[in-house]
Amino acid sequence: MTNQNIHTSSKGKQIFIGLQMLFVAFGALVLMPLITGLDPNTALLTAGVGTLLFQLCTKGQVPIFLASSFAFIAPIQYGVQTWGIPVTMGGLVFTGLIYFALSSLVKFKGAGILDKLFPPVVVGPVIVIIGLGLAPVAVNMALGKTGDGSAVLFQYEKAVIVSMVTLLTTLIVAVFAKGLMRLVPIMFAIAVGYILSICLGLVNFQPILDADWISLPQLTTPEFKLEAILYLLPIALAPAVEHVGGIMAISSVTGKNFLKEPGLHRTLLGDGVATSAAAFLGGPPNTTYAEVTGAVMLTKNFNPRVMTYAAIWAIGISFCGKVGAFLQSIPTVVMGGIMMLVFGSIAVVGMSTLIRAKIDMSEARNLCIVSVVMTFGIGHMLINVGSFSLQGISLCAFVAIFLNLILPKSKTEVAIEEHK
């Protein structure tokens, strides 16, 4: 009887900690669909389903949570405007193939193959472009406009007050908060921005009142179009390579080498399955969340079962219509204030990738790769071949990989590789 009580108490504690982990991920999780026009309840559903599928692929050994990937924000926005949500989801289903291919490569060639195909000089500038490419979206929304700047949604004066207060809140929490609070700056910023928006009369409560307590998330049946598939396919390269860093981070936190057991090939496969499954349901692609890894480190809760409960909580909450209506009532100016930091931080991750790897920009090869990728990305370079077009992050990824393969390496770089 005593042992049963202990087990029940332990299980109850794990369920509560699972909710806490979801809380840590919640702000970033719903931010992505709110920016791109997808249903936040669907994002909650697919985050939960994706995490459970990941655990299935990795034998339930890795304590990480999967949710909306920011790397896909700009491509999804472009895809929705160009082809609509169903075709965009169809293209995103195929991005899982990138993970499957990389998983197979790692299984048969070892994890070192990723360093050869996608070194920091390739991944770094592509991640920088992901962040910088989203900067105009953040500014437009912070000024009270739509993401593309085509329409004005809120009065300029009110929009600037709300967005700047929201940004300031994000900065203060991220820098000065302690413990778990430091991991949820987006949540605090949304709360402050939302309250201020209510005071300024920017919030419409009617959709919340009209929404049902229990309702199905908005599911989308994907449609497939070759142009959309080819446009979205290479986008997955950056988050797939970042995934390796995420697995290394959680390995360091828990003191277990997940690169070997269950193996990087299994974690990549899990990420790919989760991403494709999310798109099949109409949700954004999934990726491992660094915030949750940070929470694992702070709380010392290394049991993967906690993430199972976090996933179950996400799925359960996704069926509450009031939650979705509330999230969609958050004014875009609040999102704009938060995104100014979030999108800038994505670009900084790309820069730090180059810095940590000590990429020598005096080397002509490195200078050429980074320069061309940055110019193509910031300048919105477009390649048109008949009815097929390639631009944005996908073009940058192709160019970076191509230049890395064809440009000869210096003797110093070759010597370093041989030494490794």
Protein backbone atom coordinates (compact mmCIF):
# COMPACT_ATOMS: atom_id res chain seq x y z
CA MET A 1 0.00 0.00 0.00
CA THR A 2 2.80 2.37 0.89
CA ASN A 3 4.67 1.58 -2.32
CA GLN A 4 1.48 2.20 -4.31
CA ASN A 5 1.03 5.60 -2.69
CA ILE A 6 4.62 6.51 -3.43
CA HIS A 7 4.15 5.47 -7.07
CA THR A 8 0.89 7.44 -7.35
CA SER A 9 2.49 10.49 -5.77
CA SER A 10 5.44 10.22 -8.13
CA LYS A 11 3.14 9.89 -11.13
CA GLY A 12 1.05 12.86 -9.99
CA LYS A 13 4.21 14.94 -9.63
CA GLN A 14 5.33 13.93 -13.12
CA ILE A 15 1.96 14.97 -14.57
CA PHE A 16 2.27 18.40 -12.91
CA ILE A 17 5.88 18.81 -14.08
CA GLY A 18 4.70 17.89 -17.59
CA LEU A 19 2.27 20.84 -17.47
CA GLN A 20 5.14 23.04 -16.29
CA MET A 21 7.25 21.95 -19.27
CA LEU A 22 4.38 22.79 -21.63
CA PHE A 23 4.10 26.19 -19.97
CA VAL A 24 7.77 26.84 -20.73
CA ALA A 25 7.23 25.97 -24.40
CA PHE A 26 3.77 27.52 -24.71
CA GLY A 27 4.70 31.08 -25.70
CA ALA A 28 6.99 30.12 -28.57
CA LEU A 29 4.72 27.22 -29.54
CA VAL A 30 1.67 29.42 -30.23
CA LEU A 31 3.64 32.43 -31.50
CA MET A 32 4.52 30.69 -34.76
CA PRO A 33 0.93 29.84 -35.86
CA LEU A 34 -0.33 33.25 -34.75
CA ILE A 35 2.23 34.91 -37.03
CA THR A 36 1.61 32.66 -40.03
CA GLY A 37 -2.19 32.47 -39.82
CA LEU A 38 -2.36 28.81 -38.80
CA ASP A 39 -4.63 27.59 -36.01
CA PRO A 40 -2.87 27.73 -32.59
CA ASN A 41 -5.00 24.83 -31.32
CA THR A 42 -3.76 22.73 -34.23
CA ALA A 43 -0.19 23.68 -33.32
CA LEU A 44 -0.82 22.46 -29.77
CA LEU A 45 -2.27 19.21 -31.11
CA THR A 46 0.61 18.57 -33.51
CA ALA A 47 3.22 19.48 -30.89
CA GLY A 48 1.75 16.85 -28.59
CA VAL A 49 1.37 14.24 -31.33
CA GLY A 50 4.85 15.04 -32.68
CA THR A 51 6.47 14.66 -29.26
CA LEU A 52 4.78 11.27 -28.75
CA LEU A 53 5.90 10.08 -32.21
CA PHE A 54 9.44 11.26 -31.43
CA GLN A 55 9.41 9.26 -28.22
CA LEU A 56 8.20 6.23 -30.15
CA CYS A 57 11.10 6.53 -32.62
CA THR A 58 13.66 7.05 -29.84
CA LYS A 59 12.34 4.29 -27.52
CA GLY A 60 11.20 6.92 -25.01
CA GLN A 61 14.77 7.67 -23.92
CA VAL A 62 15.25 11.39 -24.71
CA PRO A 63 13.59 14.06 -22.46
CA ILE A 64 12.85 16.72 -25.08
CA PHE A 65 9.68 18.44 -26.30
CA LEU A 66 8.94 19.16 -29.96
CA ALA A 67 6.89 22.14 -31.16
CA SER A 68 6.56 24.86 -33.82
CA SER A 69 9.79 25.64 -35.71
CA PHE A 70 10.55 29.34 -36.29
CA ALA A 71 12.76 28.47 -39.29
CA PHE A 72 9.62 27.88 -41.34
CA ILE A 73 7.82 31.17 -40.57
CA ALA A 74 8.82 33.09 -43.70
CA PRO A 75 8.45 30.07 -46.06
CA ILE A 76 4.98 29.28 -44.65
CA GLN A 77 3.90 32.91 -45.03
CA TYR A 78 5.09 32.89 -48.64
CA GLY A 79 3.51 29.49 -49.27
CA VAL A 80 0.13 30.47 -47.82
CA GLN A 81 0.06 33.67 -49.90
CA THR A 82 1.18 31.88 -53.09
CA TRP A 83 -0.54 28.48 -52.97
CA GLY A 84 -2.82 28.49 -49.93
CA ILE A 85 -2.65 26.46 -46.70
CA PRO A 86 -3.43 22.96 -48.15
CA VAL A 87 -0.64 23.12 -50.77
CA THR A 88 1.78 24.61 -48.23
CA MET A 89 1.00 21.74 -45.84
CA GLY A 90 1.60 19.30 -48.71
CA GLY A 91 5.05 20.77 -49.26
CA LEU A 92 5.81 20.62 -45.54
CA VAL A 93 4.88 16.92 -45.43
CA PHE A 94 7.81 16.27 -47.76
CA THR A 95 10.28 18.24 -45.62
CA GLY A 96 10.33 15.19 -43.38
CA LEU A 97 12.21 13.46 -46.21
CA ILE A 98 15.24 15.63 -45.43
CA TYR A 99 15.30 14.20 -41.91
CA PHE A 100 14.80 10.66 -43.21
CA ALA A 101 17.69 11.07 -45.66
CA LEU A 102 19.99 12.53 -42.98
CA SER A 103 18.94 9.77 -40.57
CA SER A 104 19.97 7.13 -43.14
CA LEU A 105 23.27 8.90 -43.81
CA VAL A 106 24.11 9.02 -40.10
CA LYS A 107 23.15 5.38 -39.60
CA PHE A 108 25.39 4.10 -42.40
CA LYS A 109 28.16 6.75 -42.47
CA GLY A 110 28.24 8.03 -38.88
CA ALA A 111 27.42 11.46 -37.42
CA GLY A 112 30.61 12.94 -38.91
CA ILE A 113 29.01 12.96 -42.37
CA LEU A 114 26.83 15.91 -41.30
CA ASP A 115 29.92 18.00 -40.54
CA LYS A 116 31.22 17.36 -44.04
CA LEU A 117 27.97 18.11 -45.88
CA PHE A 118 26.73 20.92 -43.64
CA PRO A 119 29.68 22.63 -41.96
CA PRO A 120 29.18 25.88 -40.00
CA VAL A 121 30.11 27.96 -43.07
CA VAL A 122 26.97 26.53 -44.75
CA VAL A 123 24.55 26.45 -41.83
CA GLY A 124 25.59 29.75 -40.18
CA PRO A 125 24.72 32.21 -42.95
CA VAL A 126 21.49 30.36 -43.79
CA ILE A 127 20.32 30.74 -40.17
CA VAL A 128 21.30 34.43 -40.26
CA ILE A 129 19.11 34.88 -43.34
CA ILE A 130 16.19 33.14 -41.63
CA GLY A 131 16.34 35.76 -38.86
CA LEU A 132 17.07 38.82 -40.99
CA GLY A 133 14.45 37.83 -43.57
CA LEU A 134 11.80 38.01 -40.86
CA ALA A 135 12.87 41.43 -39.54
CA PRO A 136 10.49 43.43 -41.83
CA VAL A 137 7.58 41.26 -40.67
CA ALA A 138 8.34 42.09 -37.03
CA VAL A 139 8.66 45.83 -37.73
CA ASN A 140 5.46 45.99 -39.79
CA MET A 141 3.45 44.20 -37.11
CA ALA A 142 4.99 46.35 -34.36
CA LEU A 143 3.85 49.45 -36.27
CA GLY A 144 0.28 48.18 -36.43
CA LYS A 145 0.36 46.83 -39.99
CA THR A 146 -0.04 43.39 -41.48
CA GLY A 147 3.16 41.32 -41.75
CA ASP A 148 3.70 42.34 -45.39
CA GLY A 149 2.88 45.99 -44.64
CA SER A 150 -0.03 46.05 -47.13
CA ALA A 151 -2.70 47.15 -44.64
CA VAL A 152 -2.97 49.12 -41.39
CA LEU A 153 -4.65 47.23 -38.55
CA PHE A 154 -4.07 49.54 -35.58
CA GLN A 155 -3.46 53.25 -35.04
CA TYR A 156 0.28 54.01 -35.13
CA GLU A 157 0.53 55.69 -31.72
CA LYS A 158 -1.22 52.87 -29.87
CA ALA A 159 0.63 50.22 -31.84
CA VAL A 160 4.06 51.63 -30.99
CA ILE A 161 3.21 51.96 -27.28
CA VAL A 162 2.02 48.34 -27.03
CA SER A 163 4.82 46.82 -29.13
CA MET A 164 7.61 48.70 -27.35
CA VAL A 165 6.27 47.91 -23.87
CA THR A 166 5.97 44.26 -24.94
CA LEU A 167 9.53 44.27 -26.27
CA LEU A 168 10.81 45.91 -23.08
CA THR A 169 9.04 43.27 -20.97
CA THR A 170 10.64 40.50 -23.04
CA LEU A 171 14.09 42.04 -22.55
CA ILE A 172 13.67 42.56 -18.80
CA VAL A 173 12.45 39.01 -18.15
CA ALA A 174 15.10 37.45 -20.41
CA VAL A 175 17.94 39.36 -18.73
CA PHE A 176 16.91 39.89 -15.10
CA ALA A 177 14.54 37.03 -14.22
CA LYS A 178 15.81 33.98 -12.35
CA GLY A 179 15.15 30.26 -12.62
CA LEU A 180 12.17 29.06 -14.66
CA MET A 181 10.84 32.60 -15.05
CA ARG A 182 13.84 33.41 -17.23
CA LEU A 183 12.78 30.66 -19.66
CA VAL A 184 9.33 32.15 -20.34
CA PRO A 185 9.92 35.77 -21.43
CA ILE A 186 7.43 35.37 -24.28
CA MET A 187 4.67 34.35 -21.87
CA PHE A 188 5.28 37.37 -19.64
CA ALA A 189 5.49 39.68 -22.65
CA ILE A 190 2.20 38.38 -24.07
CA ALA A 191 0.51 38.89 -20.68
CA VAL A 192 1.75 42.49 -20.30
CA GLY A 193 1.08 43.36 -23.94
CA TYR A 194 -2.41 41.86 -23.80
CA ILE A 195 -3.37 43.74 -20.63
CA LEU A 196 -2.09 47.01 -22.11
CA SER A 197 -4.00 46.29 -25.35
CA ILE A 198 -7.20 45.83 -23.32
CA CYS A 199 -6.61 49.21 -21.64
CA LEU A 200 -6.17 50.85 -25.06
CA GLY A 201 -9.26 49.18 -26.51
CA LEU A 202 -7.42 46.98 -29.02
CA VAL A 203 -8.92 43.62 -27.98
CA ASN A 204 -12.19 42.17 -29.31
CA PHE A 205 -13.63 39.71 -26.77
CA GLN A 206 -16.63 38.64 -28.86
CA PRO A 207 -14.88 35.69 -30.60
CA ILE A 208 -13.89 34.33 -27.16
CA LEU A 209 -17.48 34.58 -25.92
CA ASP A 210 -18.80 32.92 -29.09
CA ALA A 211 -16.28 30.05 -29.05
CA ASP A 212 -17.25 26.63 -27.69
CA TRP A 213 -15.45 25.23 -24.67
CA ILE A 214 -14.88 21.94 -26.47
CA SER A 215 -14.17 21.92 -30.21
CA LEU A 216 -11.98 20.16 -32.73
CA PRO A 217 -8.75 21.90 -33.82
CA GLN A 218 -8.84 23.13 -37.41
CA LEU A 219 -7.41 20.22 -39.42
CA THR A 220 -6.25 20.70 -43.03
CA THR A 221 -6.00 18.01 -45.68
CA PRO A 222 -2.69 18.58 -47.53
CA GLU A 223 -2.56 19.01 -51.28
CA PHE A 224 0.59 18.35 -53.26
CA LYS A 225 2.22 20.61 -55.84
CA LEU A 226 5.76 20.05 -57.10
CA GLU A 227 6.76 23.73 -57.01
CA ALA A 228 5.72 24.05 -53.35
CA ILE A 229 7.51 20.82 -52.43
CA LEU A 230 10.77 21.91 -54.08
CA TYR A 231 10.52 25.35 -52.48
CA LEU A 232 9.98 24.06 -48.94
CA LEU A 233 12.17 20.93 -49.03
CA PRO A 234 15.59 22.55 -48.41
CA ILE A 235 14.24 24.74 -45.59
CA ALA A 236 14.47 21.70 -43.32
CA LEU A 237 18.27 21.58 -43.63
CA ALA A 238 18.88 24.35 -41.08
CA PRO A 239 16.60 23.00 -38.30
CA ALA A 240 17.79 19.45 -39.03
CA VAL A 241 21.41 20.45 -38.45
CA GLU A 242 20.36 22.52 -35.41
CA HIS A 243 18.69 19.35 -34.12
CA VAL A 244 22.15 17.84 -33.69
CA GLY A 245 23.05 20.74 -31.40
CA GLY A 246 19.82 20.23 -29.47
CA ILE A 247 20.58 16.54 -28.89
CA MET A 248 24.13 17.41 -27.81
CA ALA A 249 22.70 19.97 -25.37
CA ILE A 250 20.24 17.57 -23.73
CA SER A 251 23.01 14.93 -23.60
CA SER A 252 25.20 17.38 -21.71
CA VAL A 253 22.37 18.32 -19.34
CA THR A 254 21.43 14.73 -18.45
CA GLY A 255 24.92 13.23 -18.56
CA LYS A 256 23.84 10.64 -21.14
CA ASN A 257 25.13 10.37 -24.71
CA PHE A 258 21.95 10.32 -26.76
CA LEU A 259 24.02 10.60 -29.95
CA LYS A 260 24.99 6.96 -29.34
CA GLU A 261 21.91 5.61 -27.52
CA PRO A 262 19.25 5.68 -28.89
CA GLY A 263 21.44 7.22 -31.62
CA LEU A 264 21.38 10.41 -33.71
CA HIS A 265 19.80 8.49 -36.60
CA ARG A 266 16.80 7.71 -34.40
CA THR A 267 16.40 11.28 -33.09
CA LEU A 268 16.60 12.66 -36.65
CA LEU A 269 14.03 10.11 -37.76
CA GLY A 270 11.77 11.09 -34.87
CA ASP A 271 12.03 14.78 -35.75
CA GLY A 272 11.21 13.99 -39.39
CA VAL A 273 8.21 11.81 -38.54
CA ALA A 274 6.93 14.52 -36.17
CA THR A 275 7.32 17.21 -38.84
CA SER A 276 5.52 15.24 -41.56
CA ALA A 277 2.75 14.17 -39.18
CA ALA A 278 2.21 17.79 -38.09
CA ALA A 279 1.83 18.92 -41.71
CA PHE A 280 -0.62 16.09 -42.43
CA LEU A 281 -2.86 17.54 -39.72
CA GLY A 282 -2.39 21.18 -40.79
CA GLY A 283 0.10 22.19 -38.11
CA PRO A 284 3.55 23.82 -38.34
CA PRO A 285 6.73 21.69 -38.58
CA ASN A 286 8.19 20.54 -35.28
CA THR A 287 11.63 21.04 -33.80
CA THR A 288 13.32 20.44 -30.44
CA TYR A 289 12.80 23.30 -27.96
CA ALA A 290 15.87 24.73 -26.24
CA GLU A 291 13.64 26.40 -23.63
CA VAL A 292 12.42 23.01 -22.45
CA THR A 293 15.99 21.68 -22.36
CA GLY A 294 16.82 24.65 -20.13
CA ALA A 295 13.90 23.77 -17.88
CA VAL A 296 15.12 20.18 -17.66
CA MET A 297 18.52 21.47 -16.56
CA LEU A 298 17.04 23.78 -13.89
CA THR A 299 14.54 21.30 -12.45
CA LYS A 300 16.78 18.21 -12.78
CA ASN A 301 13.75 16.28 -14.11
CA PHE A 302 15.53 13.94 -16.52
CA ASN A 303 12.70 11.41 -16.82
CA PRO A 304 11.43 11.32 -20.46
CA ARG A 305 8.01 10.36 -19.08
CA VAL A 306 7.58 14.02 -18.09
CA MET A 307 7.59 14.95 -21.79
CA THR A 308 4.92 12.32 -22.42
CA TYR A 309 2.66 14.12 -19.96
CA ALA A 310 3.57 17.50 -21.49
CA ALA A 311 2.49 16.11 -24.88
CA ILE A 312 -0.76 14.78 -23.42
CA TRP A 313 -1.46 18.18 -21.83
CA ALA A 314 -0.86 19.89 -25.22
CA ILE A 315 -3.25 17.51 -26.98
CA GLY A 316 -5.89 17.97 -24.27
CA ILE A 317 -5.72 21.79 -24.31
CA SER A 318 -5.91 21.79 -28.13
CA PHE A 319 -9.55 20.69 -27.90
CA CYS A 320 -10.56 23.76 -25.89
CA GLY A 321 -12.09 26.26 -28.31
CA LYS A 322 -11.93 29.09 -25.78
CA VAL A 323 -8.13 28.77 -25.59
CA GLY A 324 -7.78 29.06 -29.37
CA ALA A 325 -10.14 32.05 -29.51
CA PHE A 326 -8.24 33.75 -26.69
CA LEU A 327 -4.90 33.24 -28.45
CA GLN A 328 -6.27 34.59 -31.72
CA SER A 329 -7.58 37.66 -29.90
CA ILE A 330 -4.03 38.74 -29.04
CA PRO A 331 -3.36 41.87 -31.16
CA THR A 332 -0.64 41.55 -33.80
CA VAL A 333 1.17 44.53 -32.27
CA VAL A 334 1.91 42.38 -29.22
CA MET A 335 3.39 39.72 -31.49
CA GLY A 336 5.41 42.40 -33.31
CA GLY A 337 7.07 43.57 -30.11
CA ILE A 338 8.08 40.03 -29.15
CA MET A 339 9.27 39.15 -32.64
CA MET A 340 11.77 42.00 -32.71
CA LEU A 341 13.83 40.08 -30.17
CA VAL A 342 12.95 36.55 -31.30
CA PHE A 343 13.82 37.04 -34.96
CA GLY A 344 16.97 38.96 -34.13
CA SER A 345 18.04 36.14 -31.84
CA ILE A 346 17.69 33.67 -34.73
CA ALA A 347 20.17 35.73 -36.74
CA VAL A 348 22.50 35.83 -33.72
CA VAL A 349 22.41 32.02 -33.51
CA GLY A 350 23.66 31.93 -37.09
CA MET A 351 26.45 34.37 -36.31
CA SER A 352 27.46 32.46 -33.20
CA THR A 353 27.60 29.28 -35.30
CA LEU A 354 30.29 30.91 -37.43
CA ILE A 355 32.11 32.36 -34.41
CA ARG A 356 32.16 29.12 -32.37
CA ALA A 357 33.55 27.26 -35.37
CA LYS A 358 36.21 29.98 -35.78
CA ILE A 359 35.43 30.42 -39.48
CA ASP A 360 38.25 32.45 -40.99
CA MET A 361 36.67 35.12 -43.21
CA SER A 362 40.05 36.04 -44.65
CA GLU A 363 39.90 32.71 -46.50
CA ALA A 364 38.54 33.45 -49.98
CA ARG A 365 36.40 30.28 -49.97
CA ASN A 366 34.60 31.14 -46.72
CA LEU A 367 34.21 34.77 -47.72
CA CYS A 368 32.62 33.78 -51.04
CA ILE A 369 30.12 31.34 -49.51
CA VAL A 370 28.94 33.66 -46.74
CA SER A 371 28.88 36.78 -48.97
CA VAL A 372 26.83 35.20 -51.76
CA VAL A 373 24.35 33.61 -49.35
CA MET A 374 23.87 36.87 -47.43
CA THR A 375 23.41 38.91 -50.61
CA PHE A 376 20.98 36.42 -52.13
CA GLY A 377 18.97 36.28 -48.89
CA ILE A 378 18.82 39.99 -47.99
CA GLY A 379 18.41 41.04 -51.63
CA HIS A 380 15.58 38.53 -52.27
CA MET A 381 17.32 36.89 -55.21
CA LEU A 382 14.97 34.94 -57.48
CA ILE A 383 15.82 32.09 -59.88
CA ASN A 384 13.13 31.39 -62.49
CA VAL A 385 13.27 28.35 -64.79
CA GLY A 386 10.05 28.02 -66.74
CA SER A 387 7.20 27.61 -64.26
CA PHE A 388 9.62 26.72 -61.46
CA SER A 389 11.06 29.40 -59.19
CA LEU A 390 13.46 29.33 -56.27
CA GLN A 391 14.04 32.13 -53.80
CA GLY A 392 14.48 33.01 -50.15
CA ILE A 393 15.88 30.54 -47.62
CA SER A 394 15.56 27.54 -49.95
CA LEU A 395 17.70 29.26 -52.60
CA CYS A 396 20.25 30.29 -49.95
CA ALA A 397 20.48 26.70 -48.68
CA PHE A 398 21.02 25.32 -52.18
CA VAL A 399 23.66 27.95 -52.97
CA ALA A 400 25.53 27.42 -49.68
CA ILE A 401 25.66 23.63 -50.13
CA PHE A 402 26.64 23.91 -53.80
CA LEU A 403 29.46 26.40 -53.19
CA ASN A 404 30.75 24.35 -50.25
CA LEU A 405 30.99 21.27 -52.48
CA ILE A 406 32.63 22.88 -55.52
CA LEU A 407 34.98 25.51 -54.05
CA PRO A 408 38.40 24.05 -53.14
CA LYS A 409 39.40 24.13 -49.49
CA SER A 410 42.61 25.70 -48.31
CA LYS A 411 45.51 23.50 -47.20
CA THR A 412 44.90 24.61 -43.61
CA GLU A 413 41.25 23.52 -43.68
CA VAL A 414 42.16 20.18 -45.27
CA ALA A 415 44.82 19.59 -42.60
CA ILE A 416 42.33 20.36 -39.80
CA GLU A 417 39.80 17.91 -41.28
CA GLU A 418 42.39 15.18 -41.61
CA HIS A 419 43.46 15.75 -38.01
CA LYS A 420 39.84 15.28 -36.88
